[in-house]
N, C-alpha and C. Protein backbone atom coordinates (compact mmCIF):
# COMPACT_ATOMS: atom_id res chain seq x y z
N MET A 1 4.03 -41.09 -3.44
CA MET A 1 3.81 -40.02 -2.47
C MET A 1 4.72 -40.27 -1.26
N SER A 2 5.41 -39.23 -0.81
CA SER A 2 6.35 -39.42 0.29
C SER A 2 5.62 -39.51 1.63
N ASP A 3 6.30 -40.09 2.61
CA ASP A 3 5.73 -40.20 3.96
C ASP A 3 5.54 -38.82 4.60
N HIS A 4 6.45 -37.92 4.29
CA HIS A 4 6.38 -36.60 4.91
C HIS A 4 5.08 -35.87 4.57
N ILE A 5 4.71 -35.88 3.32
CA ILE A 5 3.49 -35.19 2.90
C ILE A 5 2.26 -35.85 3.52
N ARG A 6 2.27 -37.17 3.62
CA ARG A 6 1.14 -37.87 4.21
C ARG A 6 1.00 -37.54 5.69
N LYS A 7 2.11 -37.43 6.38
CA LYS A 7 2.07 -37.17 7.83
C LYS A 7 1.87 -35.69 8.14
N ALA A 8 2.28 -34.80 7.25
CA ALA A 8 2.18 -33.37 7.50
C ALA A 8 0.83 -32.80 7.07
N GLY A 9 0.05 -33.54 6.34
CA GLY A 9 -1.23 -33.04 5.83
C GLY A 9 -2.16 -32.53 6.91
N PRO A 10 -2.44 -33.32 7.98
CA PRO A 10 -3.35 -32.82 9.02
C PRO A 10 -2.84 -31.54 9.70
N MET A 11 -1.51 -31.43 9.88
CA MET A 11 -0.98 -30.23 10.51
C MET A 11 -1.15 -29.02 9.59
N LEU A 12 -0.94 -29.21 8.30
CA LEU A 12 -1.08 -28.12 7.35
C LEU A 12 -2.53 -27.66 7.22
N ALA A 13 -3.47 -28.58 7.44
CA ALA A 13 -4.89 -28.26 7.32
C ALA A 13 -5.46 -27.68 8.62
N SER A 14 -4.71 -27.72 9.72
CA SER A 14 -5.23 -27.25 11.01
C SER A 14 -5.34 -25.73 11.03
N PRO A 15 -6.20 -25.19 11.87
CA PRO A 15 -6.32 -23.73 11.95
C PRO A 15 -5.03 -23.10 12.45
N ARG A 16 -4.74 -21.92 11.97
CA ARG A 16 -3.50 -21.23 12.33
C ARG A 16 -3.70 -20.34 13.56
N CYS A 17 -2.61 -20.02 14.20
CA CYS A 17 -2.61 -19.13 15.37
C CYS A 17 -3.03 -17.74 14.91
N GLY A 18 -3.79 -17.03 15.71
CA GLY A 18 -4.27 -15.71 15.34
C GLY A 18 -3.40 -14.57 15.86
N ALA A 19 -2.24 -14.89 16.45
CA ALA A 19 -1.39 -13.85 17.03
C ALA A 19 -0.58 -13.13 15.95
N LYS A 20 -0.14 -11.92 16.27
CA LYS A 20 0.75 -11.18 15.39
C LYS A 20 2.17 -11.31 15.90
N THR A 21 3.11 -11.42 14.98
CA THR A 21 4.51 -11.49 15.36
C THR A 21 5.06 -10.08 15.55
N ARG A 22 6.30 -9.99 16.01
CA ARG A 22 6.92 -8.68 16.22
C ARG A 22 7.07 -7.91 14.92
N SER A 23 7.24 -8.64 13.83
CA SER A 23 7.39 -7.97 12.54
C SER A 23 6.05 -7.54 11.95
N GLY A 24 4.95 -7.88 12.60
CA GLY A 24 3.64 -7.44 12.15
C GLY A 24 2.87 -8.47 11.36
N GLY A 25 3.52 -9.55 10.97
CA GLY A 25 2.85 -10.61 10.22
C GLY A 25 2.12 -11.55 11.15
N ALA A 26 1.35 -12.44 10.57
CA ALA A 26 0.61 -13.42 11.37
C ALA A 26 1.51 -14.60 11.74
N CYS A 27 1.30 -15.15 12.91
CA CYS A 27 2.02 -16.36 13.34
C CYS A 27 1.54 -17.51 12.46
N ARG A 28 2.45 -18.30 11.97
CA ARG A 28 2.09 -19.37 11.04
C ARG A 28 2.04 -20.74 11.72
N SER A 29 2.16 -20.78 13.03
CA SER A 29 2.11 -22.05 13.75
C SER A 29 0.66 -22.52 13.86
N PRO A 30 0.46 -23.83 13.97
CA PRO A 30 -0.91 -24.33 14.14
C PRO A 30 -1.42 -24.01 15.54
N ALA A 31 -2.71 -23.73 15.65
CA ALA A 31 -3.31 -23.44 16.95
C ALA A 31 -3.43 -24.73 17.76
N VAL A 32 -3.36 -24.58 19.07
CA VAL A 32 -3.52 -25.72 19.97
C VAL A 32 -4.97 -26.19 19.87
N HIS A 33 -5.19 -27.48 19.99
CA HIS A 33 -6.53 -28.05 19.88
C HIS A 33 -7.47 -27.39 20.89
N GLY A 34 -8.55 -26.82 20.41
CA GLY A 34 -9.54 -26.18 21.27
C GLY A 34 -9.26 -24.73 21.58
N ARG A 35 -8.19 -24.18 21.03
CA ARG A 35 -7.85 -22.78 21.30
C ARG A 35 -7.60 -22.03 19.98
N LYS A 36 -7.43 -20.71 20.09
CA LYS A 36 -7.20 -19.91 18.90
C LYS A 36 -5.74 -19.52 18.73
N ARG A 37 -4.89 -19.89 19.69
CA ARG A 37 -3.49 -19.53 19.65
C ARG A 37 -2.61 -20.78 19.69
N CYS A 38 -1.36 -20.61 19.22
CA CYS A 38 -0.42 -21.72 19.23
C CYS A 38 0.15 -21.91 20.64
N ARG A 39 1.02 -22.88 20.79
CA ARG A 39 1.58 -23.16 22.12
C ARG A 39 2.48 -22.02 22.60
N MET A 40 3.04 -21.24 21.68
CA MET A 40 3.92 -20.15 22.07
C MET A 40 3.15 -18.89 22.46
N HIS A 41 1.99 -18.67 21.87
CA HIS A 41 1.24 -17.44 22.11
C HIS A 41 0.01 -17.62 23.00
N GLY A 42 -0.30 -18.85 23.35
CA GLY A 42 -1.55 -19.12 24.08
C GLY A 42 -1.55 -18.67 25.51
N GLY A 43 -0.44 -18.77 26.18
CA GLY A 43 -0.40 -18.41 27.59
C GLY A 43 -1.00 -19.50 28.44
N ALA A 44 -0.40 -19.71 29.58
CA ALA A 44 -0.87 -20.75 30.49
C ALA A 44 -2.14 -20.30 31.20
N GLN A 45 -2.89 -21.25 31.67
CA GLN A 45 -4.11 -20.96 32.41
C GLN A 45 -3.74 -20.16 33.66
N GLY A 46 -4.39 -19.03 33.87
CA GLY A 46 -4.14 -18.23 35.06
C GLY A 46 -2.98 -17.26 34.91
N SER A 47 -2.38 -17.19 33.74
CA SER A 47 -1.27 -16.25 33.58
C SER A 47 -1.80 -14.86 33.31
N GLY A 48 -0.96 -13.88 33.43
CA GLY A 48 -1.37 -12.51 33.20
C GLY A 48 -1.64 -11.79 34.50
N ALA A 49 -2.01 -10.55 34.40
CA ALA A 49 -2.25 -9.73 35.57
C ALA A 49 -3.57 -10.12 36.23
N PRO A 50 -3.67 -10.00 37.54
CA PRO A 50 -4.93 -10.31 38.22
C PRO A 50 -5.99 -9.26 37.91
N LYS A 51 -7.23 -9.60 38.15
CA LYS A 51 -8.33 -8.66 37.93
C LYS A 51 -8.15 -7.45 38.85
N ALA A 52 -8.50 -6.28 38.36
CA ALA A 52 -8.38 -5.03 39.11
C ALA A 52 -6.94 -4.81 39.55
N ASN A 53 -6.00 -5.03 38.66
CA ASN A 53 -4.58 -4.86 38.96
C ASN A 53 -4.27 -3.39 39.20
N GLN A 54 -3.81 -3.07 40.37
CA GLN A 54 -3.52 -1.68 40.74
C GLN A 54 -2.22 -1.19 40.11
N ASN A 55 -1.31 -2.10 39.76
CA ASN A 55 -0.03 -1.71 39.19
C ASN A 55 -0.15 -1.31 37.72
N ALA A 56 -1.23 -1.66 37.07
CA ALA A 56 -1.36 -1.44 35.64
C ALA A 56 -1.44 0.06 35.31
N ARG A 57 -1.93 0.86 36.22
CA ARG A 57 -2.11 2.30 35.95
C ARG A 57 -1.30 3.14 36.93
N LYS A 58 -0.11 2.70 37.22
CA LYS A 58 0.69 3.38 38.22
C LYS A 58 1.04 4.81 37.81
N HIS A 59 1.41 5.03 36.56
CA HIS A 59 1.86 6.35 36.17
C HIS A 59 0.77 7.16 35.46
N GLY A 60 -0.25 6.54 34.88
CA GLY A 60 -1.35 7.26 34.24
C GLY A 60 -1.01 7.90 32.91
N LEU A 61 0.08 7.47 32.29
CA LEU A 61 0.53 8.10 31.05
C LEU A 61 -0.43 7.84 29.89
N PHE A 62 -1.13 6.72 29.91
CA PHE A 62 -1.98 6.37 28.79
C PHE A 62 -3.46 6.39 29.13
N THR A 63 -3.85 7.16 30.12
CA THR A 63 -5.27 7.31 30.42
C THR A 63 -5.90 8.23 29.37
N ARG A 64 -7.20 8.18 29.24
CA ARG A 64 -7.89 9.02 28.25
C ARG A 64 -7.63 10.50 28.49
N ASP A 65 -7.63 10.88 29.76
CA ASP A 65 -7.42 12.29 30.09
C ASP A 65 -6.02 12.75 29.69
N ALA A 66 -5.01 11.92 29.96
CA ALA A 66 -3.63 12.29 29.63
C ALA A 66 -3.45 12.38 28.12
N ILE A 67 -4.03 11.45 27.38
CA ILE A 67 -3.92 11.47 25.92
C ILE A 67 -4.62 12.71 25.36
N ALA A 68 -5.80 13.03 25.87
CA ALA A 68 -6.54 14.21 25.40
C ALA A 68 -5.77 15.49 25.72
N GLU A 69 -5.14 15.54 26.89
CA GLU A 69 -4.36 16.71 27.26
C GLU A 69 -3.16 16.89 26.33
N ARG A 70 -2.49 15.81 25.99
CA ARG A 70 -1.35 15.90 25.07
C ARG A 70 -1.80 16.34 23.68
N ARG A 71 -2.97 15.91 23.24
CA ARG A 71 -3.49 16.35 21.94
C ARG A 71 -3.78 17.85 21.94
N GLN A 72 -4.35 18.34 23.03
CA GLN A 72 -4.63 19.77 23.14
C GLN A 72 -3.34 20.57 23.12
N ILE A 73 -2.34 20.12 23.84
CA ILE A 73 -1.05 20.82 23.88
C ILE A 73 -0.42 20.83 22.50
N ARG A 74 -0.47 19.68 21.80
CA ARG A 74 0.09 19.59 20.46
C ARG A 74 -0.61 20.56 19.50
N ALA A 75 -1.95 20.65 19.60
CA ALA A 75 -2.71 21.57 18.74
C ALA A 75 -2.35 23.01 19.07
N LEU A 76 -2.21 23.33 20.35
CA LEU A 76 -1.85 24.68 20.76
C LEU A 76 -0.46 25.05 20.25
N LEU A 77 0.49 24.14 20.34
CA LEU A 77 1.83 24.39 19.83
C LEU A 77 1.82 24.58 18.31
N GLY A 78 1.00 23.81 17.62
CA GLY A 78 0.87 23.96 16.18
C GLY A 78 0.34 25.33 15.80
N ASP A 79 -0.68 25.78 16.54
CA ASP A 79 -1.23 27.12 16.29
C ASP A 79 -0.19 28.20 16.55
N ALA A 80 0.59 28.03 17.62
CA ALA A 80 1.64 29.01 17.95
C ALA A 80 2.70 29.05 16.84
N ARG A 81 3.08 27.88 16.32
CA ARG A 81 4.06 27.84 15.23
C ARG A 81 3.54 28.55 13.98
N LYS A 82 2.27 28.32 13.66
CA LYS A 82 1.67 28.99 12.50
C LYS A 82 1.66 30.50 12.68
N LEU A 83 1.34 30.95 13.88
CA LEU A 83 1.31 32.39 14.16
C LEU A 83 2.70 32.99 14.03
N LEU A 84 3.71 32.26 14.53
CA LEU A 84 5.08 32.76 14.41
C LEU A 84 5.53 32.82 12.95
N GLU A 85 5.13 31.84 12.16
CA GLU A 85 5.48 31.85 10.74
C GLU A 85 4.83 33.04 10.02
N GLU A 86 3.59 33.37 10.39
CA GLU A 86 2.88 34.48 9.77
C GLU A 86 3.52 35.82 10.15
N MET A 87 4.12 35.88 11.34
CA MET A 87 4.73 37.12 11.81
C MET A 87 6.07 37.39 11.14
N LYS A 88 6.69 36.40 10.57
CA LYS A 88 8.00 36.57 9.95
C LYS A 88 7.93 37.39 8.70
């Protein structure tokens, strides 16, 4: 038995990172001890936006109201297209 297999066994048996990669697959790195993410996806303590971040909703493009309004407009345009097709 080679040294590599003996030394790599615990790492291969460790829990994997739960993050998704850019390609959509799962990250295959081992999770950091005591966490669910690897060292690349875990994030440092205190990182990220502060609580009640005012900058997060600056433009309001993805609020529930804006999304619902875009759905209504899309449905209205679809109905108008159907009506125009029927008139031809």
